[in-house]
Amino acid sequence: MKPFRVSVHIVPRKGLLDPQGKAVADALHTLGFASVAEVHVGRHLVIETQAGDAKAAEASVREMCGRLLANPVTEDFEIAGVVPA
């Protein structure tokens, strides 16, 4: 087993109300950033795990997201990167 660091982004699903994202977008517009169309506020997790290889580490973290870390009804997640720790 080798150590891996896996980065995960979890965001609200498109089409669902994201009050934090709306507040940030409105604040950016107030500051003069008119080009901002939408903002989605989510979570960024970095998980250090042990696995035989990078593919196994990613599969394990995907299962973690599906079972606990991301709500499948209201959130989407993406694995942003898997690197040796």
PDB file of N, CA and C in Angstrom:
ATOM      1  N   MET A   1       0.835  -1.179   0.000  1.00  0.00           N
ATOM      2  CA  MET A   1       0.000   0.000   0.000  1.00  0.00           C
ATOM      3  C   MET A   1       0.885   1.249   0.000  1.00  0.00           C
ATOM      4  N   LYS A   2       0.436   2.241  -0.767  1.00  0.00           N
ATOM      5  CA  LYS A   2       1.159   3.512  -0.853  1.00  0.00           C
ATOM      6  C   LYS A   2       0.224   4.652  -0.449  1.00  0.00           C
ATOM      7  N   PRO A   3       0.791   5.737   0.066  1.00  0.00           N
ATOM      8  CA  PRO A   3      -0.050   6.876   0.434  1.00  0.00           C
ATOM      9  C   PRO A   3      -0.390   7.737  -0.795  1.00  0.00           C
ATOM     10  N   PHE A   4      -1.651   8.186  -0.849  1.00  0.00           N
ATOM     11  CA  PHE A   4      -2.110   9.073  -1.916  1.00  0.00           C
ATOM     12  C   PHE A   4      -2.886  10.226  -1.302  1.00  0.00           C
ATOM     13  N   ARG A   5      -2.827  11.361  -1.966  1.00  0.00           N
ATOM     14  CA  ARG A   5      -3.609  12.539  -1.581  1.00  0.00           C
ATOM     15  C   ARG A   5      -4.614  12.774  -2.709  1.00  0.00           C
ATOM     16  N   VAL A   6      -5.898  12.748  -2.346  1.00  0.00           N
ATOM     17  CA  VAL A   6      -6.973  12.872  -3.322  1.00  0.00           C
ATOM     18  C   VAL A   6      -7.750  14.161  -3.041  1.00  0.00           C
ATOM     19  N   SER A   7      -7.885  15.024  -4.057  1.00  0.00           N
ATOM     20  CA  SER A   7      -8.637  16.268  -3.935  1.00  0.00           C
ATOM     21  C   SER A   7     -10.023  16.082  -4.527  1.00  0.00           C
ATOM     22  N   VAL A   8     -11.034  16.550  -3.792  1.00  0.00           N
ATOM     23  CA  VAL A   8     -12.425  16.394  -4.202  1.00  0.00           C
ATOM     24  C   VAL A   8     -13.130  17.745  -4.115  1.00  0.00           C
ATOM     25  N   HIS A   9     -13.904  18.086  -5.148  1.00  0.00           N
ATOM     26  CA  HIS A   9     -14.749  19.282  -5.134  1.00  0.00           C
ATOM     27  C   HIS A   9     -16.201  18.816  -5.041  1.00  0.00           C
ATOM     28  N   ILE A  10     -16.932  19.372  -4.080  1.00  0.00           N
ATOM     29  CA  ILE A  10     -18.354  19.067  -3.929  1.00  0.00           C
ATOM     30  C   ILE A  10     -19.122  20.382  -4.069  1.00  0.00           C
ATOM     31  N   VAL A  11     -20.080  20.413  -4.993  1.00  0.00           N
ATOM     32  CA  VAL A  11     -20.856  21.633  -5.245  1.00  0.00           C
ATOM     33  C   VAL A  11     -22.340  21.285  -5.338  1.00  0.00           C
ATOM     34  N   PRO A  12     -23.206  22.282  -5.091  1.00  0.00           N
ATOM     35  CA  PRO A  12     -24.640  22.044  -5.269  1.00  0.00           C
ATOM     36  C   PRO A  12     -24.947  21.689  -6.725  1.00  0.00           C
ATOM     37  N   ARG A  13     -25.929  20.849  -6.921  1.00  0.00           N
ATOM     38  CA  ARG A  13     -26.323  20.477  -8.279  1.00  0.00           C
ATOM     39  C   ARG A  13     -26.849  21.684  -9.032  1.00  0.00           C
ATOM     40  N   LYS A  14     -26.579  21.715 -10.336  1.00  0.00           N
ATOM     41  CA  LYS A  14     -27.099  22.794 -11.180  1.00  0.00           C
ATOM     42  C   LYS A  14     -28.619  22.798 -11.096  1.00  0.00           C
ATOM     43  N   GLY A  15     -29.171  23.988 -11.054  1.00  0.00           N
ATOM     44  CA  GLY A  15     -30.617  24.125 -11.004  1.00  0.00           C
ATOM     45  C   GLY A  15     -31.170  24.184  -9.594  1.00  0.00           C
ATOM     46  N   LEU A  16     -30.369  23.808  -8.590  1.00  0.00           N
ATOM     47  CA  LEU A  16     -30.824  23.894  -7.214  1.00  0.00           C
ATOM     48  C   LEU A  16     -30.431  25.243  -6.626  1.00  0.00           C
ATOM     49  N   LEU A  17     -31.227  25.710  -5.705  1.00  0.00           N
ATOM     50  CA  LEU A  17     -30.963  26.977  -5.051  1.00  0.00           C
ATOM     51  C   LEU A  17     -29.634  26.923  -4.305  1.00  0.00           C
ATOM     52  N   ASP A  18     -28.796  27.930  -4.545  1.00  0.00           N
ATOM     53  CA  ASP A  18     -27.499  28.055  -3.872  1.00  0.00           C
ATOM     54  C   ASP A  18     -27.423  29.468  -3.293  1.00  0.00           C
ATOM     55  N   PRO A  19     -28.027  29.687  -2.110  1.00  0.00           N
ATOM     56  CA  PRO A  19     -28.085  31.037  -1.564  1.00  0.00           C
ATOM     57  C   PRO A  19     -26.707  31.646  -1.307  1.00  0.00           C
ATOM     58  N   GLN A  20     -25.740  30.843  -0.892  1.00  0.00           N
ATOM     59  CA  GLN A  20     -24.391  31.370  -0.681  1.00  0.00           C
ATOM     60  C   GLN A  20     -23.778  31.817  -1.999  1.00  0.00           C
ATOM     61  N   GLY A  21     -23.932  31.008  -3.027  1.00  0.00           N
ATOM     62  CA  GLY A  21     -23.407  31.365  -4.341  1.00  0.00           C
ATOM     63  C   GLY A  21     -24.045  32.634  -4.872  1.00  0.00           C
ATOM     64  N   LYS A  22     -25.361  32.777  -4.680  1.00  0.00           N
ATOM     65  CA  LYS A  22     -26.060  33.987  -5.131  1.00  0.00           C
ATOM     66  C   LYS A  22     -25.555  35.210  -4.386  1.00  0.00           C
ATOM     67  N   ALA A  23     -25.345  35.086  -3.076  1.00  0.00           N
ATOM     68  CA  ALA A  23     -24.845  36.214  -2.282  1.00  0.00           C
ATOM     69  C   ALA A  23     -23.449  36.635  -2.745  1.00  0.00           C
ATOM     70  N   VAL A  24     -22.597  35.657  -3.039  1.00  0.00           N
ATOM     71  CA  VAL A  24     -21.249  35.974  -3.515  1.00  0.00           C
ATOM     72  C   VAL A  24     -21.324  36.631  -4.888  1.00  0.00           C
ATOM     73  N   ALA A  25     -22.156  36.106  -5.782  1.00  0.00           N
ATOM     74  CA  ALA A  25     -22.300  36.701  -7.120  1.00  0.00           C
ATOM     75  C   ALA A  25     -22.805  38.137  -7.019  1.00  0.00           C
ATOM     76  N   ASP A  26     -23.806  38.373  -6.164  1.00  0.00           N
ATOM     77  CA  ASP A  26     -24.329  39.729  -5.992  1.00  0.00           C
ATOM     78  C   ASP A  26     -23.251  40.670  -5.464  1.00  0.00           C
ATOM     79  N   ALA A  27     -22.451  40.204  -4.504  1.00  0.00           N
ATOM     80  CA  ALA A  27     -21.377  41.030  -3.949  1.00  0.00           C
ATOM     81  C   ALA A  27     -20.329  41.346  -5.014  1.00  0.00           C
ATOM     82  N   LEU A  28     -20.006  40.372  -5.842  1.00  0.00           N
ATOM     83  CA  LEU A  28     -19.039  40.616  -6.917  1.00  0.00           C
ATOM     84  C   LEU A  28     -19.574  41.639  -7.913  1.00  0.00           C
ATOM     85  N   HIS A  29     -20.870  41.550  -8.232  1.00  0.00           N
ATOM     86  CA  HIS A  29     -21.480  42.538  -9.132  1.00  0.00           C
ATOM     87  C   HIS A  29     -21.402  43.929  -8.512  1.00  0.00           C
ATOM     88  N   THR A  30     -21.675  44.028  -7.208  1.00  0.00           N
ATOM     89  CA  THR A  30     -21.608  45.311  -6.496  1.00  0.00           C
ATOM     90  C   THR A  30     -20.192  45.898  -6.554  1.00  0.00           C
ATOM     91  N   LEU A  31     -19.195  45.017  -6.532  1.00  0.00           N
ATOM     92  CA  LEU A  31     -17.801  45.471  -6.592  1.00  0.00           C
ATOM     93  C   LEU A  31     -17.338  45.782  -8.014  1.00  0.00           C
ATOM     94  N   GLY A  32     -18.229  45.631  -8.984  1.00  0.00           N
ATOM     95  CA  GLY A  32     -17.887  45.988 -10.354  1.00  0.00           C
ATOM     96  C   GLY A  32     -17.500  44.838 -11.256  1.00  0.00           C
ATOM     97  N   PHE A  33     -17.636  43.615 -10.783  1.00  0.00           N
ATOM     98  CA  PHE A  33     -17.301  42.450 -11.613  1.00  0.00           C
ATOM     99  C   PHE A  33     -18.552  41.979 -12.348  1.00  0.00           C
ATOM    100  N   ALA A  34     -18.969  42.768 -13.327  1.00  0.00           N
ATOM    101  CA  ALA A  34     -20.220  42.514 -14.044  1.00  0.00           C
ATOM    102  C   ALA A  34     -20.163  41.251 -14.901  1.00  0.00           C
ATOM    103  N   SER A  35     -18.984  40.773 -15.220  1.00  0.00           N
ATOM    104  CA  SER A  35     -18.866  39.606 -16.089  1.00  0.00           C
ATOM    105  C   SER A  35     -19.183  38.289 -15.374  1.00  0.00           C
ATOM    106  N   VAL A  36     -19.314  38.312 -14.059  1.00  0.00           N
ATOM    107  CA  VAL A  36     -19.602  37.079 -13.306  1.00  0.00           C
ATOM    108  C   VAL A  36     -21.042  36.664 -13.586  1.00  0.00           C
ATOM    109  N   ALA A  37     -21.215  35.464 -14.116  1.00  0.00           N
ATOM    110  CA  ALA A  37     -22.553  34.966 -14.436  1.00  0.00           C
ATOM    111  C   ALA A  37     -23.153  34.219 -13.244  1.00  0.00           C
ATOM    112  N   GLU A  38     -22.411  33.282 -12.687  1.00  0.00           N
ATOM    113  CA  GLU A  38     -22.897  32.486 -11.567  1.00  0.00           C
ATOM    114  C   GLU A  38     -21.732  32.145 -10.658  1.00  0.00           C
ATOM    115  N   VAL A  39     -22.053  31.918  -9.393  1.00  0.00           N
ATOM    116  CA  VAL A  39     -21.067  31.429  -8.430  1.00  0.00           C
ATOM    117  C   VAL A  39     -21.699  30.245  -7.714  1.00  0.00           C
ATOM    118  N   HIS A  40     -20.931  29.184  -7.537  1.00  0.00           N
ATOM    119  CA  HIS A  40     -21.389  28.015  -6.793  1.00  0.00           C
ATOM    120  C   HIS A  40     -20.446  27.821  -5.617  1.00  0.00           C
ATOM    121  N   VAL A  41     -20.999  27.849  -4.422  1.00  0.00           N
ATOM    122  CA  VAL A  41     -20.193  27.666  -3.220  1.00  0.00           C
ATOM    123  C   VAL A  41     -20.330  26.217  -2.779  1.00  0.00           C
ATOM    124  N   GLY A  42     -19.197  25.560  -2.616  1.00  0.00           N
ATOM    125  CA  GLY A  42     -19.208  24.167  -2.209  1.00  0.00           C
ATOM    126  C   GLY A  42     -18.105  23.894  -1.209  1.00  0.00           C
ATOM    127  N   ARG A  43     -17.604  22.686  -1.256  1.00  0.00           N
ATOM    128  CA  ARG A  43     -16.544  22.260  -0.341  1.00  0.00           C
ATOM    129  C   ARG A  43     -15.393  21.666  -1.146  1.00  0.00           C
ATOM    130  N   HIS A  44     -14.215  21.842  -0.612  1.00  0.00           N
ATOM    131  CA  HIS A  44     -13.023  21.225  -1.190  1.00  0.00           C
ATOM    132  C   HIS A  44     -12.425  20.349  -0.101  1.00  0.00           C
ATOM    133  N   LEU A  45     -12.291  19.066  -0.381  1.00  0.00           N
ATOM    134  CA  LEU A  45     -11.715  18.137   0.580  1.00  0.00           C
ATOM    135  C   LEU A  45     -10.415  17.585   0.036  1.00  0.00           C
ATOM    136  N   VAL A  46      -9.460  17.372   0.917  1.00  0.00           N
ATOM    137  CA  VAL A  46      -8.224  16.688   0.570  1.00  0.00           C
ATOM    138  C   VAL A  46      -8.147  15.480   1.491  1.00  0.00           C
ATOM    139  N   ILE A  47      -8.180  14.299   0.882  1.00  0.00           N
ATOM    140  CA  ILE A  47      -8.201  13.053   1.646  1.00  0.00           C
ATOM    141  C   ILE A  47      -6.885  12.323   1.434  1.00  0.00           C
ATOM    142  N   GLU A  48      -6.222  12.005   2.515  1.00  0.00           N
ATOM    143  CA  GLU A  48      -5.001  11.199   2.447  1.00  0.00           C
ATOM    144  C   GLU A  48      -5.390   9.766   2.771  1.00  0.00           C
ATOM    145  N   THR A  49      -5.074   8.875   1.843  1.00  0.00           N
ATOM    146  CA  THR A  49      -5.500   7.489   1.977  1.00  0.00           C
ATOM    147  C   THR A  49      -4.395   6.545   1.511  1.00  0.00           C
ATOM    148  N   GLN A  50      -4.523   5.309   1.851  1.00  0.00           N
ATOM    149  CA  GLN A  50      -3.574   4.268   1.429  1.00  0.00           C
ATOM    150  C   GLN A  50      -4.255   3.409   0.362  1.00  0.00           C
ATOM    151  N   ALA A  51      -3.527   3.105  -0.707  1.00  0.00           N
ATOM    152  CA  ALA A  51      -4.078   2.257  -1.770  1.00  0.00           C
ATOM    153  C   ALA A  51      -2.935   1.628  -2.550  1.00  0.00           C
ATOM    154  N   GLY A  52      -3.273   0.612  -3.313  1.00  0.00           N
ATOM    155  CA  GLY A  52      -2.271  -0.071  -4.119  1.00  0.00           C
ATOM    156  C   GLY A  52      -1.754   0.782  -5.267  1.00  0.00           C
ATOM    157  N   ASP A  53      -2.630   1.591  -5.845  1.00  0.00           N
ATOM    158  CA  ASP A  53      -2.252   2.493  -6.930  1.00  0.00           C
ATOM    159  C   ASP A  53      -3.229   3.663  -6.978  1.00  0.00           C
ATOM    160  N   ALA A  54      -2.966   4.615  -7.873  1.00  0.00           N
ATOM    161  CA  ALA A  54      -3.788   5.828  -7.962  1.00  0.00           C
ATOM    162  C   ALA A  54      -5.231   5.504  -8.347  1.00  0.00           C
ATOM    163  N   LYS A  55      -5.415   4.538  -9.226  1.00  0.00           N
ATOM    164  CA  LYS A  55      -6.762   4.165  -9.664  1.00  0.00           C
ATOM    165  C   LYS A  55      -7.579   3.620  -8.484  1.00  0.00           C
ATOM    166  N   ALA A  56      -6.960   2.810  -7.648  1.00  0.00           N
ATOM    167  CA  ALA A  56      -7.650   2.267  -6.475  1.00  0.00           C
ATOM    168  C   ALA A  56      -7.953   3.362  -5.455  1.00  0.00           C
ATOM    169  N   ALA A  57      -7.035   4.319  -5.300  1.00  0.00           N
ATOM    170  CA  ALA A  57      -7.269   5.440  -4.386  1.00  0.00           C
ATOM    171  C   ALA A  57      -8.469   6.252  -4.857  1.00  0.00           C
ATOM    172  N   GLU A  58      -8.531   6.533  -6.151  1.00  0.00           N
ATOM    173  CA  GLU A  58      -9.659   7.289  -6.700  1.00  0.00           C
ATOM    174  C   GLU A  58     -10.969   6.535  -6.520  1.00  0.00           C
ATOM    175  N   ALA A  59     -10.968   5.245  -6.779  1.00  0.00           N
ATOM    176  CA  ALA A  59     -12.184   4.439  -6.632  1.00  0.00           C
ATOM    177  C   ALA A  59     -12.667   4.444  -5.182  1.00  0.00           C
ATOM    178  N   SER A  60     -11.738   4.353  -4.256  1.00  0.00           N
ATOM    179  CA  SER A  60     -12.096   4.369  -2.838  1.00  0.00           C
ATOM    180  C   SER A  60     -12.725   5.701  -2.441  1.00  0.00           C
ATOM    181  N   VAL A  61     -12.143   6.805  -2.901  1.00  0.00           N
ATOM    182  CA  VAL A  61     -12.678   8.123  -2.563  1.00  0.00           C
ATOM    183  C   VAL A  61     -14.018   8.352  -3.250  1.00  0.00           C
ATOM    184  N   ARG A  62     -14.198   7.846  -4.461  1.00  0.00           N
ATOM    185  CA  ARG A  62     -15.510   7.947  -5.122  1.00  0.00           C
ATOM    186  C   ARG A  62     -16.577   7.247  -4.278  1.00  0.00           C
ATOM    187  N   GLU A  63     -16.233   6.102  -3.741  1.00  0.00           N
ATOM    188  CA  GLU A  63     -17.183   5.380  -2.886  1.00  0.00           C
ATOM    189  C   GLU A  63     -17.477   6.180  -1.612  1.00  0.00           C
ATOM    190  N   MET A  64     -16.447   6.791  -1.033  1.00  0.00           N
ATOM    191  CA  MET A  64     -16.643   7.635   0.157  1.00  0.00           C
ATOM    192  C   MET A  64     -17.617   8.768  -0.149  1.00  0.00           C
ATOM    193  N   CYS A  65     -17.432   9.400  -1.307  1.00  0.00           N
ATOM    194  CA  CYS A  65     -18.312  10.509  -1.697  1.00  0.00           C
ATOM    195  C   CYS A  65     -19.742  10.017  -1.891  1.00  0.00           C
ATOM    196  N   GLY A  66     -19.891   8.888  -2.536  1.00  0.00           N
ATOM    197  CA  GLY A  66     -21.209   8.343  -2.802  1.00  0.00           C
ATOM    198  C   GLY A  66     -21.946   7.905  -1.551  1.00  0.00           C
ATOM    199  N   ARG A  67     -21.204   7.471  -0.545  1.00  0.00           N
ATOM    200  CA  ARG A  67     -21.835   6.946   0.665  1.00  0.00           C
ATOM    201  C   ARG A  67     -21.952   7.951   1.802  1.00  0.00           C
ATOM    202  N   LEU A  68     -21.067   8.983   1.833  1.00  0.00           N
ATOM    203  CA  LEU A  68     -21.076   9.877   2.983  1.00  0.00           C
ATOM    204  C   LEU A  68     -20.805  11.344   2.656  1.00  0.00           C
ATOM    205  N   LEU A  69     -19.780  11.615   1.880  1.00  0.00           N
ATOM    206  CA  LEU A  69     -19.281  12.988   1.761  1.00  0.00           C
ATOM    207  C   LEU A  69     -20.157  13.913   0.932  1.00  0.00           C
ATOM    208  N   ALA A  70     -20.825  13.392  -0.069  1.00  0.00           N
ATOM    209  CA  ALA A  70     -21.688  14.216  -0.932  1.00  0.00           C
ATOM    210  C   ALA A  70     -23.112  13.676  -0.870  1.00  0.00           C
ATOM    211  N   ASN A  71     -24.065  14.584  -0.747  1.00  0.00           N
ATOM    212  CA  ASN A  71     -25.466  14.190  -0.759  1.00  0.00           C
ATOM    213  C   ASN A  71     -25.873  13.974  -2.219  1.00  0.00           C
ATOM    214  N   PRO A  72     -26.192  12.740  -2.618  1.00  0.00           N
ATOM    215  CA  PRO A  72     -26.468  12.466  -4.039  1.00  0.00           C
ATOM    216  C   PRO A  72     -27.727  13.156  -4.562  1.00  0.00           C
ATOM    217  N   VAL A  73     -28.586  13.625  -3.677  1.00  0.00           N
ATOM    218  CA  VAL A  73     -29.812  14.297  -4.100  1.00  0.00           C
ATOM    219  C   VAL A  73     -29.543  15.764  -4.437  1.00  0.00           C
ATOM    220  N   THR A  74     -28.632  16.403  -3.689  1.00  0.00           N
ATOM    221  CA  THR A  74     -28.453  17.850  -3.842  1.00  0.00           C
ATOM    222  C   THR A  74     -27.062  18.282  -4.288  1.00  0.00           C
ATOM    223  N   GLU A  75     -26.110  17.353  -4.335  1.00  0.00           N
ATOM    224  CA  GLU A  75     -24.728  17.740  -4.636  1.00  0.00           C
ATOM    225  C   GLU A  75     -24.099  16.852  -5.702  1.00  0.00           C
ATOM    226  N   ASP A  76     -23.188  17.448  -6.441  1.00  0.00           N
ATOM    227  CA  ASP A  76     -22.333  16.723  -7.375  1.00  0.00           C
ATOM    228  C   ASP A  76     -20.907  16.796  -6.844  1.00  0.00           C
ATOM    229  N   PHE A  77     -20.093  15.823  -7.224  1.00  0.00           N
ATOM    230  CA  PHE A  77     -18.690  15.873  -6.820  1.00  0.00           C
ATOM    231  C   PHE A  77     -17.813  15.492  -7.996  1.00  0.00           C
ATOM    232  N   GLU A  78     -16.582  15.962  -7.936  1.00  0.00           N
ATOM    233  CA  GLU A  78     -15.598  15.548  -8.943  1.00  0.00           C
ATOM    234  C   GLU A  78     -14.265  15.345  -8.233  1.00  0.00           C
ATOM    235  N   ILE A  79     -13.547  14.346  -8.693  1.00  0.00           N
ATOM    236  CA  ILE A  79     -12.207  14.094  -8.194  1.00  0.00           C
ATOM    237  C   ILE A  79     -11.287  15.034  -8.961  1.00  0.00           C
ATOM    238  N   ALA A  80     -10.655  15.959  -8.255  1.00  0.00           N
ATOM    239  CA  ALA A  80      -9.828  16.972  -8.912  1.00  0.00           C
ATOM    240  C   ALA A  80      -8.407  16.496  -9.139  1.00  0.00           C
ATOM    241  N   GLY A  81      -7.961  15.534  -8.362  1.00  0.00           N
ATOM    242  CA  GLY A  81      -6.610  15.046  -8.552  1.00  0.00           C
ATOM    243  C   GLY A  81      -6.245  13.949  -7.577  1.00  0.00           C
ATOM    244  N   VAL A  82      -5.382  13.052  -8.025  1.00  0.00           N
ATOM    245  CA  VAL A  82      -4.854  11.984  -7.182  1.00  0.00           C
ATOM    246  C   VAL A  82      -3.337  12.022  -7.354  1.00  0.00           C
ATOM    247  N   VAL A  83      -2.633  12.274  -6.257  1.00  0.00           N
ATOM    248  CA  VAL A  83      -1.172  12.347  -6.320  1.00  0.00           C
ATOM    249  C   VAL A  83      -0.573  11.540  -5.179  1.00  0.00           C
ATOM    250  N   PRO A  84       0.626  11.021  -5.381  1.00  0.00           N
ATOM    251  CA  PRO A  84       1.292  10.338  -4.277  1.00  0.00           C
ATOM    252  C   PRO A  84       1.523  11.324  -3.123  1.00  0.00           C
ATOM    253  N   ALA A  85       1.292  10.858  -1.913  1.00  0.00           N
ATOM    254  CA  ALA A  85       1.462  11.738  -0.741  1.00  0.00           C
ATOM    255  C   ALA A  85       2.899  11.692  -0.250  1.00  0.00           C
TER     256      ALA A  85
END
